[in-house]
Amino acid sequence: MLKKGFKMKIYPDKQKEYEKRHGQLWPEMRQMLKEHGAISYSIFIDPETDYLFGYLEIEDENKWTGTAETEINQKWWNYMKDIMETNLDNSPVTIDLKQVFEL
């Protein structure tokens, strides 16, 4: 199992909408994440800065990178682009974090 930590940022005043959309995550999206090796996936928000912290446990890095090419993920990125910082392909601007401690 591999662990990944990363940060993203939502636009000001979009916290409730971000939570709402994730509370209604499409079943096809959930299934795709599992099929691509997601064991555990959590997202936390810092309400003072609008930064998101993602924590992900995956089976295999190569399997995981395939998520970006799926039709459902492309649809999700398009759906989320109006409430968070994104790249030109609508993928979220994501900054990988380095793990420095584990108990």
C-alpha atoms as a PDB file:
ATOM      1  CA  MET A   1       0.000   0.000   0.000  1.00  0.00           C
ATOM      2  CA  LEU A   2       1.205   3.491  -0.890  1.00  0.00           C
ATOM      3  CA  LYS A   3       0.216   6.671   0.953  1.00  0.00           C
ATOM      4  CA  LYS A   4      -0.192  10.023  -0.750  1.00  0.00           C
ATOM      5  CA  GLY A   5      -0.788  13.458   0.735  1.00  0.00           C
ATOM      6  CA  PHE A   6      -1.574  16.521  -1.339  1.00  0.00           C
ATOM      7  CA  LYS A   7      -3.153  19.937  -1.147  1.00  0.00           C
ATOM      8  CA  MET A   8      -5.614  21.760  -3.380  1.00  0.00           C
ATOM      9  CA  LYS A   9      -7.516  25.023  -3.029  1.00  0.00           C
ATOM     10  CA  ILE A  10     -11.149  25.944  -3.446  1.00  0.00           C
ATOM     11  CA  TYR A  11     -12.394  29.422  -4.279  1.00  0.00           C
ATOM     12  CA  PRO A  12     -13.519  31.691  -1.428  1.00  0.00           C
ATOM     13  CA  ASP A  13     -17.096  31.083  -0.281  1.00  0.00           C
ATOM     14  CA  LYS A  14     -17.257  27.671  -2.031  1.00  0.00           C
ATOM     15  CA  GLN A  15     -16.735  25.449   1.019  1.00  0.00           C
ATOM     16  CA  LYS A  16     -20.392  24.487   1.410  1.00  0.00           C
ATOM     17  CA  GLU A  17     -20.742  23.708  -2.292  1.00  0.00           C
ATOM     18  CA  TYR A  18     -17.569  21.609  -2.238  1.00  0.00           C
ATOM     19  CA  GLU A  19     -18.878  19.618   0.729  1.00  0.00           C
ATOM     20  CA  LYS A  20     -22.300  19.246  -0.896  1.00  0.00           C
ATOM     21  CA  ARG A  21     -20.872  17.866  -4.142  1.00  0.00           C
ATOM     22  CA  HIS A  22     -18.673  15.384  -2.319  1.00  0.00           C
ATOM     23  CA  GLY A  23     -21.570  14.362  -0.106  1.00  0.00           C
ATOM     24  CA  GLN A  24     -23.371  13.417  -3.312  1.00  0.00           C
ATOM     25  CA  LEU A  25     -20.385  11.783  -5.025  1.00  0.00           C
ATOM     26  CA  TRP A  26     -21.597   9.862  -8.042  1.00  0.00           C
ATOM     27  CA  PRO A  27     -21.658   6.058  -7.599  1.00  0.00           C
ATOM     28  CA  GLU A  28     -19.728   5.666 -10.882  1.00  0.00           C
ATOM     29  CA  MET A  29     -16.978   7.868  -9.477  1.00  0.00           C
ATOM     30  CA  ARG A  30     -16.758   5.809  -6.293  1.00  0.00           C
ATOM     31  CA  GLN A  31     -16.567   2.625  -8.359  1.00  0.00           C
ATOM     32  CA  MET A  32     -13.858   4.022 -10.642  1.00  0.00           C
ATOM     33  CA  LEU A  33     -11.712   5.042  -7.656  1.00  0.00           C
ATOM     34  CA  LYS A  34     -11.958   1.543  -6.199  1.00  0.00           C
ATOM     35  CA  GLU A  35     -11.240  -0.091  -9.553  1.00  0.00           C
ATOM     36  CA  HIS A  36      -8.080   2.000  -9.845  1.00  0.00           C
ATOM     37  CA  GLY A  37      -6.752   0.891  -6.481  1.00  0.00           C
ATOM     38  CA  ALA A  38      -8.031   3.462  -3.991  1.00  0.00           C
ATOM     39  CA  ILE A  39      -8.119   1.776  -0.592  1.00  0.00           C
ATOM     40  CA  SER A  40      -8.883   4.905   1.415  1.00  0.00           C
ATOM     41  CA  TYR A  41      -9.443   8.491   0.309  1.00  0.00           C
ATOM     42  CA  SER A  42     -10.096  11.433   2.645  1.00  0.00           C
ATOM     43  CA  ILE A  43     -10.214  15.174   2.047  1.00  0.00           C
ATOM     44  CA  PHE A  44      -9.985  17.759   4.829  1.00  0.00           C
ATOM     45  CA  ILE A  45     -10.516  21.519   4.625  1.00  0.00           C
ATOM     46  CA  ASP A  46      -8.897  24.427   6.429  1.00  0.00           C
ATOM     47  CA  PRO A  47     -11.866  26.818   6.652  1.00  0.00           C
ATOM     48  CA  GLU A  48      -9.617  29.811   7.287  1.00  0.00           C
ATOM     49  CA  THR A  49      -7.557  29.434   4.088  1.00  0.00           C
ATOM     50  CA  ASP A  50      -9.798  27.383   1.739  1.00  0.00           C
ATOM     51  CA  TYR A  51      -6.984  24.847   1.356  1.00  0.00           C
ATOM     52  CA  LEU A  52      -7.867  21.188   1.051  1.00  0.00           C
ATOM     53  CA  PHE A  53      -5.666  18.376   2.328  1.00  0.00           C
ATOM     54  CA  GLY A  54      -6.110  15.042   0.598  1.00  0.00           C
ATOM     55  CA  TYR A  55      -4.958  11.742   2.042  1.00  0.00           C
ATOM     56  CA  LEU A  56      -5.009   8.700  -0.186  1.00  0.00           C
ATOM     57  CA  GLU A  57      -4.002   5.069   0.234  1.00  0.00           C
ATOM     58  CA  ILE A  58      -3.588   3.202  -3.041  1.00  0.00           C
ATOM     59  CA  GLU A  59      -2.573  -0.264  -4.179  1.00  0.00           C
ATOM     60  CA  ASP A  60      -0.250   0.772  -6.996  1.00  0.00           C
ATOM     61  CA  GLU A  61       0.930   4.097  -8.473  1.00  0.00           C
ATOM     62  CA  ASN A  62       0.635   2.947 -12.108  1.00  0.00           C
ATOM     63  CA  LYS A  63      -2.899   1.705 -11.575  1.00  0.00           C
ATOM     64  CA  TRP A  64      -3.818   4.970  -9.861  1.00  0.00           C
ATOM     65  CA  THR A  65      -2.495   7.254 -12.605  1.00  0.00           C
ATOM     66  CA  GLY A  66      -5.066   5.712 -14.968  1.00  0.00           C
ATOM     67  CA  THR A  67      -7.846   7.566 -13.151  1.00  0.00           C
ATOM     68  CA  ALA A  68      -7.018  10.761 -15.030  1.00  0.00           C
ATOM     69  CA  GLU A  69      -7.903   9.168 -18.356  1.00  0.00           C
ATOM     70  CA  THR A  70     -11.314   7.808 -17.374  1.00  0.00           C
ATOM     71  CA  GLU A  71     -14.435   9.410 -18.792  1.00  0.00           C
ATOM     72  CA  ILE A  72     -16.064   9.693 -15.360  1.00  0.00           C
ATOM     73  CA  ASN A  73     -13.025  11.488 -13.894  1.00  0.00           C
ATOM     74  CA  GLN A  74     -12.970  13.936 -16.811  1.00  0.00           C
ATOM     75  CA  LYS A  75     -16.669  14.585 -16.180  1.00  0.00           C
ATOM     76  CA  TRP A  76     -15.987  15.134 -12.451  1.00  0.00           C
ATOM     77  CA  TRP A  77     -13.166  17.590 -13.138  1.00  0.00           C
ATOM     78  CA  ASN A  78     -15.441  19.538 -15.459  1.00  0.00           C
ATOM     79  CA  TYR A  79     -18.147  19.558 -12.774  1.00  0.00           C
ATOM     80  CA  MET A  80     -15.745  20.879 -10.111  1.00  0.00           C
ATOM     81  CA  LYS A  81     -13.843  23.509 -12.130  1.00  0.00           C
ATOM     82  CA  ASP A  82     -16.152  26.367 -11.124  1.00  0.00           C
ATOM     83  CA  ILE A  83     -15.402  26.015  -7.401  1.00  0.00           C
ATOM     84  CA  MET A  84     -11.675  25.266  -7.216  1.00  0.00           C
ATOM     85  CA  GLU A  85      -8.323  26.113  -8.739  1.00  0.00           C
ATOM     86  CA  THR A  86      -7.769  24.003 -11.859  1.00  0.00           C
ATOM     87  CA  ASN A  87      -5.274  23.420 -14.639  1.00  0.00           C
ATOM     88  CA  LEU A  88      -6.036  23.974 -18.343  1.00  0.00           C
ATOM     89  CA  ASP A  89      -7.400  20.403 -18.623  1.00  0.00           C
ATOM     90  CA  ASN A  90      -9.786  21.106 -15.690  1.00  0.00           C
ATOM     91  CA  SER A  91      -7.816  18.842 -13.348  1.00  0.00           C
ATOM     92  CA  PRO A  92      -7.440  20.337  -9.870  1.00  0.00           C
ATOM     93  CA  VAL A  93      -4.207  22.144  -9.151  1.00  0.00           C
ATOM     94  CA  THR A  94      -2.633  19.598  -6.833  1.00  0.00           C
ATOM     95  CA  ILE A  95       0.572  19.942  -4.849  1.00  0.00           C
ATOM     96  CA  ASP A  96       2.030  16.689  -3.569  1.00  0.00           C
ATOM     97  CA  LEU A  97       3.182  16.716   0.043  1.00  0.00           C
ATOM     98  CA  LYS A  98       6.153  14.825   1.465  1.00  0.00           C
ATOM     99  CA  GLN A  99       5.472  12.498   4.360  1.00  0.00           C
ATOM    100  CA  VAL A 100       7.840  13.300   7.217  1.00  0.00           C
ATOM    101  CA  PHE A 101       6.386  11.297  10.104  1.00  0.00           C
ATOM    102  CA  GLU A 102       4.269   8.246  10.833  1.00  0.00           C
ATOM    103  CA  LEU A 103       3.402   6.556  14.099  1.00  0.00           C
END
